[in-house]
N, C-alpha and C. Protein backbone atom coordinates (compact mmCIF):
# COMPACT_ATOMS: atom_id res chain seq x y z
N MET A 1 0.84 -1.19 0.00
CA MET A 1 0.00 0.00 0.00
C MET A 1 0.88 1.25 0.00
N VAL A 2 0.47 2.23 -0.75
CA VAL A 2 1.21 3.48 -0.89
C VAL A 2 0.61 4.51 0.04
N SER A 3 1.45 5.22 0.79
CA SER A 3 0.96 6.24 1.72
C SER A 3 0.55 7.50 0.97
N ALA A 4 -0.24 8.34 1.64
CA ALA A 4 -0.66 9.61 1.05
C ALA A 4 0.55 10.48 0.74
N ASP A 5 1.57 10.43 1.59
CA ASP A 5 2.79 11.20 1.34
C ASP A 5 3.47 10.75 0.05
N ALA A 6 3.45 9.45 -0.20
CA ALA A 6 4.09 8.93 -1.41
C ALA A 6 3.39 9.43 -2.66
N LEU A 7 2.09 9.67 -2.57
CA LEU A 7 1.35 10.18 -3.72
C LEU A 7 1.78 11.60 -4.07
N SER A 8 2.20 12.37 -3.09
CA SER A 8 2.61 13.75 -3.36
C SER A 8 4.12 13.87 -3.61
N ASP A 9 4.87 12.79 -3.39
CA ASP A 9 6.30 12.81 -3.68
C ASP A 9 6.52 13.08 -5.16
N PRO A 10 7.58 13.80 -5.48
CA PRO A 10 7.87 14.02 -6.91
C PRO A 10 8.20 12.70 -7.60
N ILE A 11 7.89 12.65 -8.87
CA ILE A 11 8.26 11.51 -9.69
C ILE A 11 9.77 11.58 -9.91
N ARG A 12 10.46 10.47 -9.65
CA ARG A 12 11.92 10.44 -9.80
C ARG A 12 12.27 9.98 -11.20
N LEU A 13 12.85 10.89 -11.97
CA LEU A 13 13.23 10.62 -13.35
C LEU A 13 14.74 10.53 -13.45
N LEU A 14 15.20 9.44 -14.00
CA LEU A 14 16.62 9.23 -14.24
C LEU A 14 16.87 9.57 -15.71
N PHE A 15 17.63 10.63 -15.97
CA PHE A 15 17.90 11.08 -17.33
C PHE A 15 19.35 10.79 -17.65
N VAL A 16 19.57 9.86 -18.59
CA VAL A 16 20.91 9.42 -18.94
C VAL A 16 21.24 9.94 -20.34
N GLU A 17 22.13 10.91 -20.38
CA GLU A 17 22.48 11.60 -21.63
C GLU A 17 23.92 12.08 -21.52
N ASP A 18 24.74 11.74 -22.50
CA ASP A 18 26.15 12.12 -22.42
C ASP A 18 26.44 13.49 -23.01
N ASP A 19 25.50 14.09 -23.69
CA ASP A 19 25.70 15.41 -24.28
C ASP A 19 25.41 16.47 -23.21
N ASP A 20 26.45 17.17 -22.77
CA ASP A 20 26.31 18.18 -21.71
C ASP A 20 25.28 19.24 -22.08
N ASP A 21 25.30 19.68 -23.33
CA ASP A 21 24.36 20.72 -23.77
C ASP A 21 22.92 20.22 -23.69
N TYR A 22 22.70 18.99 -24.13
CA TYR A 22 21.34 18.44 -24.11
C TYR A 22 20.83 18.29 -22.67
N ARG A 23 21.72 17.84 -21.77
CA ARG A 23 21.34 17.74 -20.36
C ARG A 23 20.98 19.10 -19.80
N ALA A 24 21.78 20.11 -20.14
CA ALA A 24 21.52 21.47 -19.65
C ALA A 24 20.19 22.00 -20.18
N VAL A 25 19.89 21.71 -21.44
CA VAL A 25 18.62 22.15 -22.03
C VAL A 25 17.45 21.51 -21.30
N LEU A 26 17.53 20.20 -21.04
CA LEU A 26 16.42 19.54 -20.34
C LEU A 26 16.27 20.09 -18.93
N LYS A 27 17.39 20.32 -18.25
CA LYS A 27 17.33 20.87 -16.89
C LYS A 27 16.65 22.23 -16.90
N THR A 28 17.03 23.08 -17.85
CA THR A 28 16.42 24.41 -17.97
C THR A 28 14.94 24.30 -18.30
N MET A 29 14.59 23.36 -19.19
CA MET A 29 13.18 23.18 -19.56
C MET A 29 12.34 22.78 -18.35
N VAL A 30 12.83 21.85 -17.57
CA VAL A 30 12.08 21.40 -16.39
C VAL A 30 11.85 22.59 -15.46
N GLN A 31 12.87 23.42 -15.28
CA GLN A 31 12.73 24.60 -14.42
C GLN A 31 11.76 25.62 -15.01
N ARG A 32 11.92 25.94 -16.28
CA ARG A 32 11.08 26.96 -16.91
C ARG A 32 9.63 26.52 -17.05
N LEU A 33 9.42 25.23 -17.22
CA LEU A 33 8.06 24.72 -17.40
C LEU A 33 7.34 24.52 -16.07
N GLY A 34 8.03 24.79 -14.97
CA GLY A 34 7.40 24.67 -13.67
C GLY A 34 7.14 23.23 -13.25
N LEU A 35 7.98 22.32 -13.71
CA LEU A 35 7.80 20.91 -13.39
C LEU A 35 8.66 20.45 -12.21
N GLU A 36 9.35 21.39 -11.56
CA GLU A 36 10.26 21.03 -10.47
C GLU A 36 9.54 20.36 -9.30
N GLU A 37 8.30 20.76 -9.03
CA GLU A 37 7.56 20.15 -7.93
C GLU A 37 7.08 18.76 -8.27
N SER A 38 6.87 18.50 -9.56
CA SER A 38 6.36 17.21 -10.01
C SER A 38 7.47 16.21 -10.31
N LEU A 39 8.61 16.71 -10.71
CA LEU A 39 9.72 15.87 -11.14
C LEU A 39 10.98 16.13 -10.34
N GLU A 40 11.60 15.08 -9.90
CA GLU A 40 12.95 15.14 -9.33
C GLU A 40 13.83 14.43 -10.33
N VAL A 41 14.69 15.17 -11.01
CA VAL A 41 15.48 14.61 -12.10
C VAL A 41 16.92 14.41 -11.66
N LEU A 42 17.42 13.21 -11.90
CA LEU A 42 18.83 12.89 -11.67
C LEU A 42 19.48 12.80 -13.05
N PHE A 43 20.43 13.69 -13.31
CA PHE A 43 21.10 13.75 -14.60
C PHE A 43 22.40 12.97 -14.55
N LEU A 44 22.54 11.97 -15.41
CA LEU A 44 23.75 11.15 -15.49
C LEU A 44 24.20 11.04 -16.93
N SER A 45 25.45 10.61 -17.13
CA SER A 45 25.96 10.53 -18.50
C SER A 45 26.50 9.16 -18.89
N ARG A 46 26.52 8.21 -17.96
CA ARG A 46 27.13 6.90 -18.25
C ARG A 46 26.21 5.76 -17.81
N VAL A 47 26.32 4.65 -18.52
CA VAL A 47 25.53 3.46 -18.23
C VAL A 47 25.78 2.99 -16.80
N GLN A 48 27.04 2.89 -16.42
CA GLN A 48 27.37 2.37 -15.08
C GLN A 48 26.81 3.26 -13.98
N ASP A 49 26.82 4.57 -14.17
CA ASP A 49 26.24 5.48 -13.18
C ASP A 49 24.72 5.25 -13.07
N ALA A 50 24.09 5.01 -14.20
CA ALA A 50 22.64 4.73 -14.20
C ALA A 50 22.35 3.44 -13.45
N HIS A 51 23.16 2.42 -13.67
CA HIS A 51 22.97 1.14 -12.96
C HIS A 51 23.06 1.35 -11.45
N ARG A 52 24.06 2.09 -11.02
CA ARG A 52 24.22 2.36 -9.58
C ARG A 52 23.03 3.14 -9.02
N ALA A 53 22.56 4.12 -9.77
CA ALA A 53 21.43 4.92 -9.30
C ALA A 53 20.17 4.06 -9.15
N MET A 54 19.94 3.16 -10.08
CA MET A 54 18.76 2.29 -10.00
C MET A 54 18.85 1.35 -8.81
N GLU A 55 20.05 0.94 -8.48
CA GLU A 55 20.23 -0.01 -7.38
C GLU A 55 20.19 0.67 -6.01
N SER A 56 20.43 1.98 -5.97
CA SER A 56 20.52 2.65 -4.67
C SER A 56 19.30 3.48 -4.29
N SER A 57 18.41 3.75 -5.23
CA SER A 57 17.24 4.55 -4.87
C SER A 57 16.07 4.27 -5.81
N ARG A 58 14.90 4.70 -5.40
CA ARG A 58 13.68 4.51 -6.20
C ARG A 58 13.77 5.34 -7.48
N VAL A 59 13.41 4.73 -8.59
CA VAL A 59 13.36 5.41 -9.87
C VAL A 59 11.99 5.11 -10.47
N ASP A 60 11.27 6.16 -10.86
CA ASP A 60 9.94 5.99 -11.45
C ASP A 60 9.97 5.97 -12.97
N VAL A 61 10.87 6.75 -13.55
CA VAL A 61 10.96 6.88 -15.00
C VAL A 61 12.43 6.93 -15.38
N ILE A 62 12.77 6.21 -16.44
CA ILE A 62 14.14 6.24 -16.96
C ILE A 62 14.05 6.73 -18.40
N LEU A 63 14.73 7.83 -18.67
CA LEU A 63 14.80 8.41 -20.00
C LEU A 63 16.27 8.38 -20.40
N SER A 64 16.60 7.50 -21.35
CA SER A 64 18.01 7.31 -21.69
C SER A 64 18.27 7.53 -23.17
N ASP A 65 19.33 8.28 -23.44
CA ASP A 65 19.83 8.41 -24.80
C ASP A 65 20.25 7.01 -25.26
N TYR A 66 20.29 6.82 -26.57
CA TYR A 66 20.71 5.52 -27.08
C TYR A 66 22.23 5.38 -27.06
N HIS A 67 22.94 6.36 -27.63
CA HIS A 67 24.40 6.28 -27.70
C HIS A 67 25.02 6.92 -26.46
N LEU A 68 25.74 6.12 -25.69
CA LEU A 68 26.41 6.59 -24.46
C LEU A 68 27.87 6.18 -24.51
N PRO A 69 28.74 6.85 -23.76
CA PRO A 69 30.18 6.57 -23.86
C PRO A 69 30.58 5.16 -23.44
N ASP A 70 29.84 4.54 -22.54
CA ASP A 70 30.21 3.21 -22.06
C ASP A 70 29.17 2.14 -22.39
N GLY A 71 28.33 2.41 -23.38
CA GLY A 71 27.33 1.43 -23.78
C GLY A 71 26.19 2.10 -24.52
N THR A 72 25.00 1.52 -24.36
CA THR A 72 23.83 2.05 -25.07
C THR A 72 22.65 2.19 -24.12
N GLY A 73 21.65 2.89 -24.59
CA GLY A 73 20.40 2.98 -23.84
C GLY A 73 19.79 1.61 -23.60
N THR A 74 20.03 0.69 -24.51
CA THR A 74 19.57 -0.69 -24.33
C THR A 74 20.17 -1.29 -23.08
N ASP A 75 21.44 -1.02 -22.82
CA ASP A 75 22.09 -1.52 -21.61
C ASP A 75 21.42 -0.95 -20.36
N VAL A 76 21.10 0.33 -20.39
CA VAL A 76 20.45 0.99 -19.26
C VAL A 76 19.07 0.38 -19.02
N LEU A 77 18.27 0.30 -20.08
CA LEU A 77 16.89 -0.15 -19.93
C LEU A 77 16.79 -1.64 -19.64
N SER A 78 17.71 -2.43 -20.17
CA SER A 78 17.73 -3.86 -19.86
C SER A 78 18.01 -4.08 -18.38
N HIS A 79 18.95 -3.32 -17.83
CA HIS A 79 19.27 -3.43 -16.40
C HIS A 79 18.06 -3.02 -15.55
N ALA A 80 17.30 -2.07 -16.07
CA ALA A 80 16.12 -1.59 -15.32
C ALA A 80 15.07 -2.67 -15.14
N ARG A 81 15.03 -3.65 -16.02
CA ARG A 81 14.03 -4.72 -15.88
C ARG A 81 14.13 -5.41 -14.53
N THR A 82 15.35 -5.53 -14.00
CA THR A 82 15.50 -6.16 -12.69
C THR A 82 15.73 -5.15 -11.57
N ALA A 83 16.48 -4.09 -11.85
CA ALA A 83 16.83 -3.12 -10.81
C ALA A 83 15.69 -2.14 -10.51
N ALA A 84 14.87 -1.85 -11.49
CA ALA A 84 13.75 -0.91 -11.32
C ALA A 84 12.56 -1.39 -12.17
N PRO A 85 12.02 -2.56 -11.83
CA PRO A 85 11.00 -3.18 -12.70
C PRO A 85 9.72 -2.37 -12.86
N GLU A 86 9.40 -1.51 -11.91
CA GLU A 86 8.18 -0.70 -11.99
C GLU A 86 8.38 0.58 -12.79
N ALA A 87 9.62 0.92 -13.09
CA ALA A 87 9.92 2.18 -13.77
C ALA A 87 9.45 2.16 -15.22
N GLN A 88 8.95 3.27 -15.67
CA GLN A 88 8.66 3.43 -17.09
C GLN A 88 9.98 3.64 -17.80
N ARG A 89 10.20 2.93 -18.89
CA ARG A 89 11.47 2.96 -19.59
C ARG A 89 11.30 3.61 -20.97
N ILE A 90 12.05 4.69 -21.20
CA ILE A 90 11.95 5.45 -22.45
C ILE A 90 13.34 5.62 -23.03
N VAL A 91 13.48 5.32 -24.31
CA VAL A 91 14.76 5.56 -24.98
C VAL A 91 14.61 6.83 -25.81
N LEU A 92 15.65 7.63 -25.80
CA LEU A 92 15.69 8.91 -26.50
C LEU A 92 16.76 8.80 -27.58
N THR A 93 16.38 9.06 -28.82
CA THR A 93 17.36 8.89 -29.89
C THR A 93 17.16 9.89 -31.02
N ALA A 94 18.25 10.29 -31.60
CA ALA A 94 18.21 11.12 -32.81
C ALA A 94 18.18 10.22 -34.05
N HIS A 95 18.24 8.91 -33.83
CA HIS A 95 18.30 7.94 -34.91
C HIS A 95 17.09 7.01 -34.85
N PRO A 96 15.96 7.44 -35.42
CA PRO A 96 14.74 6.64 -35.31
C PRO A 96 14.87 5.24 -35.90
N GLU A 97 15.84 5.03 -36.79
CA GLU A 97 16.03 3.69 -37.34
C GLU A 97 16.45 2.69 -36.27
N LEU A 98 16.93 3.17 -35.13
CA LEU A 98 17.31 2.28 -34.03
C LEU A 98 16.11 1.89 -33.18
N ALA A 99 15.00 2.59 -33.35
CA ALA A 99 13.85 2.40 -32.47
C ALA A 99 13.35 0.97 -32.46
N HIS A 100 13.27 0.33 -33.60
CA HIS A 100 12.75 -1.04 -33.64
C HIS A 100 13.64 -1.98 -32.84
N ASP A 101 14.94 -1.93 -33.07
CA ASP A 101 15.86 -2.80 -32.34
C ASP A 101 15.84 -2.47 -30.85
N THR A 102 15.81 -1.20 -30.52
CA THR A 102 15.82 -0.80 -29.12
C THR A 102 14.57 -1.29 -28.41
N ARG A 103 13.44 -1.10 -29.00
CA ARG A 103 12.19 -1.54 -28.37
C ARG A 103 12.20 -3.05 -28.18
N GLY A 104 12.68 -3.79 -29.18
CA GLY A 104 12.69 -5.24 -29.09
C GLY A 104 13.68 -5.76 -28.06
N GLU A 105 14.87 -5.19 -28.01
CA GLU A 105 15.90 -5.68 -27.11
C GLU A 105 15.71 -5.22 -25.67
N SER A 106 15.23 -4.02 -25.48
CA SER A 106 15.25 -3.45 -24.14
C SER A 106 13.90 -3.43 -23.45
N MET A 107 12.86 -3.75 -24.19
CA MET A 107 11.51 -3.66 -23.65
C MET A 107 11.18 -2.23 -23.25
N ALA A 108 11.64 -1.27 -24.04
CA ALA A 108 11.33 0.14 -23.78
C ALA A 108 9.83 0.33 -23.90
N ASP A 109 9.28 1.14 -22.99
CA ASP A 109 7.85 1.45 -23.04
C ASP A 109 7.55 2.47 -24.12
N ALA A 110 8.55 3.28 -24.47
CA ALA A 110 8.34 4.32 -25.48
C ALA A 110 9.68 4.69 -26.11
N ILE A 111 9.60 5.21 -27.33
CA ILE A 111 10.75 5.73 -28.04
C ILE A 111 10.47 7.21 -28.30
N TRP A 112 11.34 8.08 -27.81
CA TRP A 112 11.20 9.51 -28.08
C TRP A 112 12.33 9.93 -29.00
N GLU A 113 11.96 10.54 -30.13
CA GLU A 113 12.98 11.08 -31.02
C GLU A 113 13.41 12.44 -30.50
N LYS A 114 14.66 12.81 -30.73
CA LYS A 114 15.20 14.07 -30.23
C LYS A 114 14.76 15.27 -31.08
N THR A 115 13.72 15.12 -31.84
CA THR A 115 13.26 16.21 -32.70
C THR A 115 12.11 16.99 -32.09
N PHE A 116 11.79 16.78 -30.82
CA PHE A 116 10.65 17.47 -30.22
C PHE A 116 11.00 18.90 -29.84
N ASN A 117 9.94 19.73 -29.67
CA ASN A 117 10.13 21.11 -29.24
C ASN A 117 9.76 21.24 -27.76
N VAL A 118 9.87 22.41 -27.23
CA VAL A 118 9.63 22.65 -25.81
C VAL A 118 8.20 22.26 -25.42
N HIS A 119 7.23 22.64 -26.23
CA HIS A 119 5.84 22.34 -25.89
C HIS A 119 5.55 20.85 -25.94
N ASP A 120 6.15 20.17 -26.92
CA ASP A 120 5.99 18.72 -27.02
C ASP A 120 6.63 18.03 -25.82
N LEU A 121 7.81 18.49 -25.42
CA LEU A 121 8.48 17.90 -24.26
C LEU A 121 7.63 18.10 -23.01
N ARG A 122 7.08 19.28 -22.85
CA ARG A 122 6.24 19.53 -21.68
C ARG A 122 5.06 18.56 -21.64
N ARG A 123 4.37 18.40 -22.77
CA ARG A 123 3.23 17.47 -22.83
C ARG A 123 3.68 16.06 -22.50
N ARG A 124 4.80 15.65 -23.05
CA ARG A 124 5.29 14.29 -22.79
C ARG A 124 5.62 14.09 -21.31
N LEU A 125 6.34 15.06 -20.74
CA LEU A 125 6.70 14.94 -19.32
C LEU A 125 5.47 14.99 -18.43
N GLU A 126 4.51 15.86 -18.75
CA GLU A 126 3.29 15.93 -17.95
C GLU A 126 2.52 14.61 -18.02
N ARG A 127 2.48 13.98 -19.21
CA ARG A 127 1.80 12.68 -19.34
C ARG A 127 2.49 11.62 -18.51
N VAL A 128 3.82 11.64 -18.52
CA VAL A 128 4.58 10.67 -17.71
C VAL A 128 4.28 10.86 -16.24
N VAL A 129 4.30 12.10 -15.76
CA VAL A 129 4.02 12.39 -14.35
C VAL A 129 2.61 11.93 -14.01
N GLU A 130 1.63 12.26 -14.83
CA GLU A 130 0.24 11.89 -14.55
C GLU A 130 0.06 10.38 -14.54
N ALA A 131 0.68 9.69 -15.47
CA ALA A 131 0.56 8.22 -15.52
C ALA A 131 1.17 7.59 -14.27
N ARG A 132 2.31 8.07 -13.84
CA ARG A 132 2.94 7.51 -12.64
C ARG A 132 2.12 7.80 -11.39
N ARG A 133 1.56 9.00 -11.30
CA ARG A 133 0.69 9.33 -10.16
C ARG A 133 -0.55 8.43 -10.16
N SER A 134 -1.12 8.20 -11.31
CA SER A 134 -2.30 7.32 -11.41
C SER A 134 -1.94 5.90 -10.97
N GLN A 135 -0.77 5.43 -11.34
CA GLN A 135 -0.34 4.10 -10.91
C GLN A 135 -0.18 4.05 -9.40
N ARG A 136 0.40 5.08 -8.82
CA ARG A 136 0.55 5.12 -7.35
C ARG A 136 -0.82 5.12 -6.68
N LEU A 137 -1.76 5.91 -7.21
CA LEU A 137 -3.10 5.98 -6.64
C LEU A 137 -3.78 4.62 -6.73
N ALA A 138 -3.63 3.93 -7.83
CA ALA A 138 -4.25 2.61 -8.01
C ALA A 138 -3.72 1.62 -6.99
N ARG A 139 -2.47 1.75 -6.60
CA ARG A 139 -1.87 0.82 -5.62
C ARG A 139 -2.35 1.11 -4.20
N THR A 140 -2.92 2.31 -3.97
CA THR A 140 -3.39 2.62 -2.61
C THR A 140 -4.74 1.98 -2.33
N GLY A 141 -5.40 1.62 -3.37
CA GLY A 141 -6.61 1.13 -3.02
C GLY A 141 -7.65 0.43 -3.56
């Protein structure tokens, strides 16, 4: 059973992206869009760091770039199947041709192309937050 406090806790999003500029843009977007109360974002750049984060704390959503310096988004999301089985798993890629292989190998719940704009990102993040809150509410009762 989930407590009432847990329902108001921010959704913990693990964002794995090796491009410093892209991480900075997402961080700024979350702040400017007023999503800071809804989302607690942990920004990482390596597969191994993501694995450690999943093993050491609760993760609700994993948003991972496909190409990373020490592996791929598939490695991150595959590890999540056991380390964070309840987490929503999303792969982020500028290469949509990888989407089919990524979805098949990693069991990603969604594929997001890096071609979205600020308004599209806001809608996507708001949908993720709402879906996770609804899942928490369903577990309470």
